[in-house]
């Protein structure tokens, strides 16, 4: 539901949400989360995300998972976050698939399982999620959850980089492949240029590469 920033539209949204419209509940939650037309209120945002999520709205399920992961409007509970990410991911939400993969990857809210991480990275990557493409590429570089495959790593990271070439993390990944010849022609000069661009964007991994490799 598209809303103008005025009280009458908020009143209509509140009425629809109270009557059980899951999309209205999601929109109202977002209004409370952002302070859009109503005073910002994380507790009410989490409440309406929950109402919508319990009606199997995948966007709301993802948002509620984020609330439990960060403690916005609810007590932090990574295990509950994983439960809601999974519900949303199983309905095909790529953001939830990526977050679920991350939880498996680092063991946050659930036992670490690299193969499950790869499964959900791949699901999100197949929908074009650049973060998932990038992280899946690193799984192939490091042999985490899959056999090492530098050609596949470069293919995935190239796709991620092409989709968002100004993203510092993706600049770092592409630079890493070029600097070390991971699945592609060894090109340390271009790799270092990408490290420098990435570091300018705040990527600490790129800063480390520059310190360790650049000749002063």
C-alpha atoms as a PDB file:
ATOM      1  CA  UNK A   1       0.000   0.000   0.000  1.00  0.00           C
ATOM      2  CA  UNK A   2       1.442   3.362  -1.085  1.00  0.00           C
ATOM      3  CA  UNK A   3       0.958   6.028   1.558  1.00  0.00           C
ATOM      4  CA  UNK A   4       1.078   9.782   1.552  1.00  0.00           C
ATOM      5  CA  UNK A   5       2.670  11.174   4.655  1.00  0.00           C
ATOM      6  CA  UNK A   6      -0.534  12.264   6.396  1.00  0.00           C
ATOM      7  CA  UNK A   7      -2.698  11.222   9.301  1.00  0.00           C
ATOM      8  CA  UNK A   8      -5.714  10.141   7.243  1.00  0.00           C
ATOM      9  CA  UNK A   9      -3.717   7.544   5.368  1.00  0.00           C
ATOM     10  CA  UNK A  10      -2.164   6.301   8.605  1.00  0.00           C
ATOM     11  CA  UNK A  11      -5.662   5.959  10.074  1.00  0.00           C
ATOM     12  CA  UNK A  12      -6.758   3.885   7.084  1.00  0.00           C
ATOM     13  CA  UNK A  13      -3.628   1.752   7.391  1.00  0.00           C
ATOM     14  CA  UNK A  14      -4.185   1.181  11.097  1.00  0.00           C
ATOM     15  CA  UNK A  15      -7.784   0.137  10.449  1.00  0.00           C
ATOM     16  CA  UNK A  16      -6.766  -2.324   7.738  1.00  0.00           C
ATOM     17  CA  UNK A  17      -4.002  -3.728   9.934  1.00  0.00           C
ATOM     18  CA  UNK A  18      -6.400  -4.159  12.856  1.00  0.00           C
ATOM     19  CA  UNK A  19      -8.777  -6.030  10.548  1.00  0.00           C
ATOM     20  CA  UNK A  20      -6.017  -8.507   9.703  1.00  0.00           C
ATOM     21  CA  UNK A  21      -4.685  -7.299   6.333  1.00  0.00           C
ATOM     22  CA  UNK A  22      -1.149  -8.704   6.330  1.00  0.00           C
ATOM     23  CA  UNK A  23       0.152  -6.199   3.778  1.00  0.00           C
ATOM     24  CA  UNK A  24      -1.241  -3.332   5.836  1.00  0.00           C
ATOM     25  CA  UNK A  25       0.338  -4.823   8.948  1.00  0.00           C
ATOM     26  CA  UNK A  26       3.686  -4.968   7.162  1.00  0.00           C
ATOM     27  CA  UNK A  27       3.351  -1.382   5.929  1.00  0.00           C
ATOM     28  CA  UNK A  28       2.305  -0.119   9.345  1.00  0.00           C
ATOM     29  CA  UNK A  29       5.259  -1.891  10.934  1.00  0.00           C
ATOM     30  CA  UNK A  30       7.577  -0.193   8.444  1.00  0.00           C
ATOM     31  CA  UNK A  31       6.026   3.186   9.305  1.00  0.00           C
ATOM     32  CA  UNK A  32       6.713   2.637  12.996  1.00  0.00           C
ATOM     33  CA  UNK A  33      10.224   1.364  12.265  1.00  0.00           C
ATOM     34  CA  UNK A  34      11.084   4.446  10.183  1.00  0.00           C
ATOM     35  CA  UNK A  35       8.977   7.060  11.973  1.00  0.00           C
ATOM     36  CA  UNK A  36       7.079   7.645   8.727  1.00  0.00           C
ATOM     37  CA  UNK A  37       3.805   9.421   9.547  1.00  0.00           C
ATOM     38  CA  UNK A  38       3.881   8.141  13.130  1.00  0.00           C
ATOM     39  CA  UNK A  39       6.332   8.505  16.017  1.00  0.00           C
ATOM     40  CA  UNK A  40       9.159   6.008  15.623  1.00  0.00           C
ATOM     41  CA  UNK A  41       8.442   3.024  17.862  1.00  0.00           C
ATOM     42  CA  UNK A  42      10.509  -0.158  17.594  1.00  0.00           C
ATOM     43  CA  UNK A  43       8.171  -2.109  19.883  1.00  0.00           C
ATOM     44  CA  UNK A  44       5.090  -1.345  17.773  1.00  0.00           C
ATOM     45  CA  UNK A  45       7.096  -2.044  14.622  1.00  0.00           C
ATOM     46  CA  UNK A  46       8.041  -5.492  15.921  1.00  0.00           C
ATOM     47  CA  UNK A  47       4.425  -6.104  16.996  1.00  0.00           C
ATOM     48  CA  UNK A  48       3.027  -5.447  13.528  1.00  0.00           C
ATOM     49  CA  UNK A  49       5.850  -7.311  11.809  1.00  0.00           C
ATOM     50  CA  UNK A  50       4.903 -10.247  14.039  1.00  0.00           C
ATOM     51  CA  UNK A  51       1.195  -9.974  13.207  1.00  0.00           C
ATOM     52  CA  UNK A  52       1.980 -10.045   9.493  1.00  0.00           C
ATOM     53  CA  UNK A  53       4.660 -12.724   9.833  1.00  0.00           C
ATOM     54  CA  UNK A  54       2.217 -15.066  11.545  1.00  0.00           C
ATOM     55  CA  UNK A  55       0.094 -14.787   8.401  1.00  0.00           C
ATOM     56  CA  UNK A  56       3.069 -16.117   6.411  1.00  0.00           C
ATOM     57  CA  UNK A  57       4.019 -12.812   4.806  1.00  0.00           C
ATOM     58  CA  UNK A  58       7.659 -13.509   3.782  1.00  0.00           C
ATOM     59  CA  UNK A  59       8.788  -9.874   3.948  1.00  0.00           C
ATOM     60  CA  UNK A  60       7.399  -9.570   7.458  1.00  0.00           C
ATOM     61  CA  UNK A  61       8.985 -12.859   8.470  1.00  0.00           C
ATOM     62  CA  UNK A  62      12.348 -11.566   7.280  1.00  0.00           C
ATOM     63  CA  UNK A  63      11.864  -8.247   9.086  1.00  0.00           C
ATOM     64  CA  UNK A  64      10.822  -9.988  12.301  1.00  0.00           C
ATOM     65  CA  UNK A  65      13.932 -12.155  12.062  1.00  0.00           C
ATOM     66  CA  UNK A  66      16.012  -8.993  11.824  1.00  0.00           C
ATOM     67  CA  UNK A  67      14.256  -7.612  14.914  1.00  0.00           C
ATOM     68  CA  UNK A  68      15.183 -10.713  16.898  1.00  0.00           C
ATOM     69  CA  UNK A  69      18.743 -10.650  15.586  1.00  0.00           C
ATOM     70  CA  UNK A  70      19.351  -6.996  16.475  1.00  0.00           C
ATOM     71  CA  UNK A  71      17.030  -6.623  19.465  1.00  0.00           C
ATOM     72  CA  UNK A  72      14.954  -3.891  17.810  1.00  0.00           C
ATOM     73  CA  UNK A  73      11.661  -3.799  19.716  1.00  0.00           C
ATOM     74  CA  UNK A  74      12.130  -7.288  21.178  1.00  0.00           C
ATOM     75  CA  UNK A  75      14.641  -9.090  23.342  1.00  0.00           C
ATOM     76  CA  UNK A  76      17.541 -10.278  21.185  1.00  0.00           C
ATOM     77  CA  UNK A  77      17.125 -13.940  20.331  1.00  0.00           C
ATOM     78  CA  UNK A  78      19.311 -15.268  17.491  1.00  0.00           C
ATOM     79  CA  UNK A  79      17.606 -18.671  17.569  1.00  0.00           C
ATOM     80  CA  UNK A  80      14.215 -17.057  16.954  1.00  0.00           C
ATOM     81  CA  UNK A  81      15.786 -14.911  14.266  1.00  0.00           C
ATOM     82  CA  UNK A  82      16.921 -18.072  12.503  1.00  0.00           C
ATOM     83  CA  UNK A  83      13.415 -19.561  12.768  1.00  0.00           C
ATOM     84  CA  UNK A  84      11.870 -16.548  11.064  1.00  0.00           C
ATOM     85  CA  UNK A  85      14.622 -16.267   8.454  1.00  0.00           C
ATOM     86  CA  UNK A  86      13.990 -19.913   7.604  1.00  0.00           C
ATOM     87  CA  UNK A  87      10.227 -19.440   7.231  1.00  0.00           C
ATOM     88  CA  UNK A  88      10.826 -16.531   4.890  1.00  0.00           C
ATOM     89  CA  UNK A  89      13.686 -18.227   3.024  1.00  0.00           C
ATOM     90  CA  UNK A  90      11.569 -21.294   2.357  1.00  0.00           C
ATOM     91  CA  UNK A  91       9.050 -18.994   0.649  1.00  0.00           C
ATOM     92  CA  UNK A  92      11.808 -17.672  -1.605  1.00  0.00           C
ATOM     93  CA  UNK A  93      12.772 -14.352  -0.017  1.00  0.00           C
ATOM     94  CA  UNK A  94      16.364 -13.781  -1.140  1.00  0.00           C
ATOM     95  CA  UNK A  95      17.248 -11.477   1.762  1.00  0.00           C
ATOM     96  CA  UNK A  96      16.125 -14.133   4.230  1.00  0.00           C
ATOM     97  CA  UNK A  97      18.000 -16.816   2.307  1.00  0.00           C
ATOM     98  CA  UNK A  98      21.164 -14.749   2.559  1.00  0.00           C
ATOM     99  CA  UNK A  99      20.727 -14.055   6.268  1.00  0.00           C
ATOM    100  CA  UNK A 100      20.002 -17.711   6.962  1.00  0.00           C
ATOM    101  CA  UNK A 101      23.166 -18.635   5.068  1.00  0.00           C
ATOM    102  CA  UNK A 102      25.160 -16.170   7.158  1.00  0.00           C
ATOM    103  CA  UNK A 103      23.750 -17.659  10.361  1.00  0.00           C
ATOM    104  CA  UNK A 104      24.877 -21.132   9.280  1.00  0.00           C
ATOM    105  CA  UNK A 105      28.201 -19.758   8.075  1.00  0.00           C
ATOM    106  CA  UNK A 106      29.200 -18.179  11.388  1.00  0.00           C
ATOM    107  CA  UNK A 107      27.089 -20.270  13.764  1.00  0.00           C
ATOM    108  CA  UNK A 108      24.831 -17.446  14.936  1.00  0.00           C
ATOM    109  CA  UNK A 109      21.587 -18.732  16.448  1.00  0.00           C
ATOM    110  CA  UNK A 110      22.225 -22.213  15.088  1.00  0.00           C
ATOM    111  CA  UNK A 111      25.073 -24.717  14.906  1.00  0.00           C
ATOM    112  CA  UNK A 112      27.653 -23.818  12.292  1.00  0.00           C
ATOM    113  CA  UNK A 113      27.132 -25.839   9.115  1.00  0.00           C
ATOM    114  CA  UNK A 114      29.067 -24.810   6.021  1.00  0.00           C
ATOM    115  CA  UNK A 115      27.123 -27.079   3.688  1.00  0.00           C
ATOM    116  CA  UNK A 116      23.829 -25.536   4.777  1.00  0.00           C
ATOM    117  CA  UNK A 117      25.410 -22.108   4.396  1.00  0.00           C
ATOM    118  CA  UNK A 118      26.346 -22.950   0.810  1.00  0.00           C
ATOM    119  CA  UNK A 119      22.821 -24.241   0.133  1.00  0.00           C
ATOM    120  CA  UNK A 120      21.225 -20.953   1.165  1.00  0.00           C
ATOM    121  CA  UNK A 121      23.913 -18.743  -0.367  1.00  0.00           C
ATOM    122  CA  UNK A 122      23.240 -20.564  -3.611  1.00  0.00           C
ATOM    123  CA  UNK A 123      19.465 -20.067  -3.313  1.00  0.00           C
ATOM    124  CA  UNK A 124      19.938 -16.319  -2.856  1.00  0.00           C
ATOM    125  CA  UNK A 125      22.651 -16.158  -5.522  1.00  0.00           C
ATOM    126  CA  UNK A 126      20.314 -17.764  -8.050  1.00  0.00           C
ATOM    127  CA  UNK A 127      18.034 -14.774  -7.521  1.00  0.00           C
ATOM    128  CA  UNK A 128      20.902 -12.397  -8.277  1.00  0.00           C
ATOM    129  CA  UNK A 129      21.758 -11.353  -4.723  1.00  0.00           C
ATOM    130  CA  UNK A 130      25.250  -9.876  -5.095  1.00  0.00           C
ATOM    131  CA  UNK A 131      26.232 -10.469  -1.453  1.00  0.00           C
ATOM    132  CA  UNK A 132      25.281 -14.119  -1.799  1.00  0.00           C
ATOM    133  CA  UNK A 133      27.199 -14.453  -5.067  1.00  0.00           C
ATOM    134  CA  UNK A 134      30.236 -12.931  -3.394  1.00  0.00           C
ATOM    135  CA  UNK A 135      30.093 -15.063  -0.248  1.00  0.00           C
ATOM    136  CA  UNK A 136      29.469 -18.199  -2.278  1.00  0.00           C
ATOM    137  CA  UNK A 137      32.546 -17.309  -4.306  1.00  0.00           C
ATOM    138  CA  UNK A 138      34.588 -17.169  -1.108  1.00  0.00           C
ATOM    139  CA  UNK A 139      33.244 -20.575  -0.114  1.00  0.00           C
ATOM    140  CA  UNK A 140      34.783 -21.917  -3.328  1.00  0.00           C
ATOM    141  CA  UNK A 141      38.059 -20.067  -2.684  1.00  0.00           C
ATOM    142  CA  UNK A 142      38.386 -21.476   0.828  1.00  0.00           C
ATOM    143  CA  UNK A 143      36.778 -24.880   0.275  1.00  0.00           C
ATOM    144  CA  UNK A 144      34.112 -24.235   2.918  1.00  0.00           C
ATOM    145  CA  UNK A 145      31.051 -26.412   2.356  1.00  0.00           C
ATOM    146  CA  UNK A 146      32.216 -27.191  -1.189  1.00  0.00           C
ATOM    147  CA  UNK A 147      35.360 -28.413  -2.901  1.00  0.00           C
ATOM    148  CA  UNK A 148      37.797 -25.629  -3.759  1.00  0.00           C
ATOM    149  CA  UNK A 149      37.188 -24.391  -7.289  1.00  0.00           C
ATOM    150  CA  UNK A 150      38.915 -21.166  -8.255  1.00  0.00           C
ATOM    151  CA  UNK A 151      37.243 -20.977 -11.662  1.00  0.00           C
ATOM    152  CA  UNK A 152      33.795 -21.140 -10.090  1.00  0.00           C
ATOM    153  CA  UNK A 153      34.860 -18.679  -7.404  1.00  0.00           C
ATOM    154  CA  UNK A 154      35.907 -16.143 -10.018  1.00  0.00           C
ATOM    155  CA  UNK A 155      32.729 -16.685 -12.040  1.00  0.00           C
ATOM    156  CA  UNK A 156      30.562 -15.960  -9.012  1.00  0.00           C
ATOM    157  CA  UNK A 157      32.583 -13.003  -7.777  1.00  0.00           C
ATOM    158  CA  UNK A 158      32.649 -11.535 -11.285  1.00  0.00           C
ATOM    159  CA  UNK A 159      28.858 -11.713 -11.423  1.00  0.00           C
ATOM    160  CA  UNK A 160      28.605 -10.037  -8.029  1.00  0.00           C
ATOM    161  CA  UNK A 161      31.062  -7.302  -8.988  1.00  0.00           C
ATOM    162  CA  UNK A 162      29.339  -6.653 -12.314  1.00  0.00           C
ATOM    163  CA  UNK A 163      26.070  -6.219 -10.454  1.00  0.00           C
ATOM    164  CA  UNK A 164      27.456  -3.622  -8.031  1.00  0.00           C
ATOM    165  CA  UNK A 165      30.963  -2.446  -9.004  1.00  0.00           C
ATOM    166  CA  UNK A 166      30.991   0.412  -6.489  1.00  0.00           C
ATOM    167  CA  UNK A 167      30.441  -1.835  -3.452  1.00  0.00           C
ATOM    168  CA  UNK A 168      33.688  -1.921  -1.406  1.00  0.00           C
ATOM    169  CA  UNK A 169      33.379  -5.587  -0.370  1.00  0.00           C
ATOM    170  CA  UNK A 170      32.896  -6.631  -3.989  1.00  0.00           C
ATOM    171  CA  UNK A 171      35.805  -4.455  -5.110  1.00  0.00           C
ATOM    172  CA  UNK A 172      37.940  -6.244  -2.529  1.00  0.00           C
ATOM    173  CA  UNK A 173      36.842  -9.687  -3.729  1.00  0.00           C
ATOM    174  CA  UNK A 174      37.435  -8.864  -7.378  1.00  0.00           C
ATOM    175  CA  UNK A 175      40.762  -7.301  -6.490  1.00  0.00           C
ATOM    176  CA  UNK A 176      41.748 -10.418  -4.564  1.00  0.00           C
ATOM    177  CA  UNK A 177      41.043 -12.655  -7.553  1.00  0.00           C
ATOM    178  CA  UNK A 178      43.042 -10.424  -9.879  1.00  0.00           C
ATOM    179  CA  UNK A 179      45.921  -9.772  -7.493  1.00  0.00           C
ATOM    180  CA  UNK A 180      46.457 -13.462  -6.748  1.00  0.00           C
ATOM    181  CA  UNK A 181      45.266 -14.911 -10.063  1.00  0.00           C
ATOM    182  CA  UNK A 182      42.297 -16.746  -8.540  1.00  0.00           C
ATOM    183  CA  UNK A 183      40.467 -18.290 -11.500  1.00  0.00           C
ATOM    184  CA  UNK A 184      41.700 -15.570 -13.829  1.00  0.00           C
ATOM    185  CA  UNK A 185      44.824 -14.014 -15.279  1.00  0.00           C
ATOM    186  CA  UNK A 186      47.221 -12.703 -12.647  1.00  0.00           C
ATOM    187  CA  UNK A 187      46.906  -8.907 -12.737  1.00  0.00           C
ATOM    188  CA  UNK A 188      48.392  -7.411  -9.552  1.00  0.00           C
ATOM    189  CA  UNK A 189      48.236  -3.820 -10.788  1.00  0.00           C
ATOM    190  CA  UNK A 190      44.501  -3.913 -11.429  1.00  0.00           C
ATOM    191  CA  UNK A 191      44.028  -5.906  -8.258  1.00  0.00           C
ATOM    192  CA  UNK A 192      45.814  -3.244  -6.216  1.00  0.00           C
ATOM    193  CA  UNK A 193      43.723  -0.493  -7.809  1.00  0.00           C
ATOM    194  CA  UNK A 194      40.600  -2.315  -6.709  1.00  0.00           C
ATOM    195  CA  UNK A 195      42.021  -2.788  -3.212  1.00  0.00           C
ATOM    196  CA  UNK A 196      42.624   0.971  -3.055  1.00  0.00           C
ATOM    197  CA  UNK A 197      39.091   1.770  -4.220  1.00  0.00           C
ATOM    198  CA  UNK A 198      37.717  -0.712  -1.711  1.00  0.00           C
ATOM    199  CA  UNK A 199      39.791   0.723   1.130  1.00  0.00           C
ATOM    200  CA  UNK A 200      38.545   4.209   0.305  1.00  0.00           C
ATOM    201  CA  UNK A 201      35.035   2.811   0.829  1.00  0.00           C
ATOM    202  CA  UNK A 202      35.990   1.524   4.268  1.00  0.00           C
ATOM    203  CA  UNK A 203      36.751  -2.158   3.621  1.00  0.00           C
ATOM    204  CA  UNK A 204      39.229  -3.262   6.286  1.00  0.00           C
ATOM    205  CA  UNK A 205      40.201  -6.423   4.373  1.00  0.00           C
ATOM    206  CA  UNK A 206      41.320  -4.258   1.464  1.00  0.00           C
ATOM    207  CA  UNK A 207      43.304  -2.049   3.824  1.00  0.00           C
ATOM    208  CA  UNK A 208      45.065  -5.161   5.117  1.00  0.00           C
ATOM    209  CA  UNK A 209      45.924  -6.294   1.576  1.00  0.00           C
ATOM    210  CA  UNK A 210      47.417  -2.887   0.808  1.00  0.00           C
ATOM    211  CA  UNK A 211      49.526  -2.853   3.974  1.00  0.00           C
ATOM    212  CA  UNK A 212      50.814  -6.363   3.335  1.00  0.00           C
ATOM    213  CA  UNK A 213      51.459  -6.097  -0.386  1.00  0.00           C
ATOM    214  CA  UNK A 214      51.991  -2.545  -1.546  1.00  0.00           C
ATOM    215  CA  UNK A 215      55.590  -1.440  -1.912  1.00  0.00           C
ATOM    216  CA  UNK A 216      56.298   1.877  -0.231  1.00  0.00           C
END
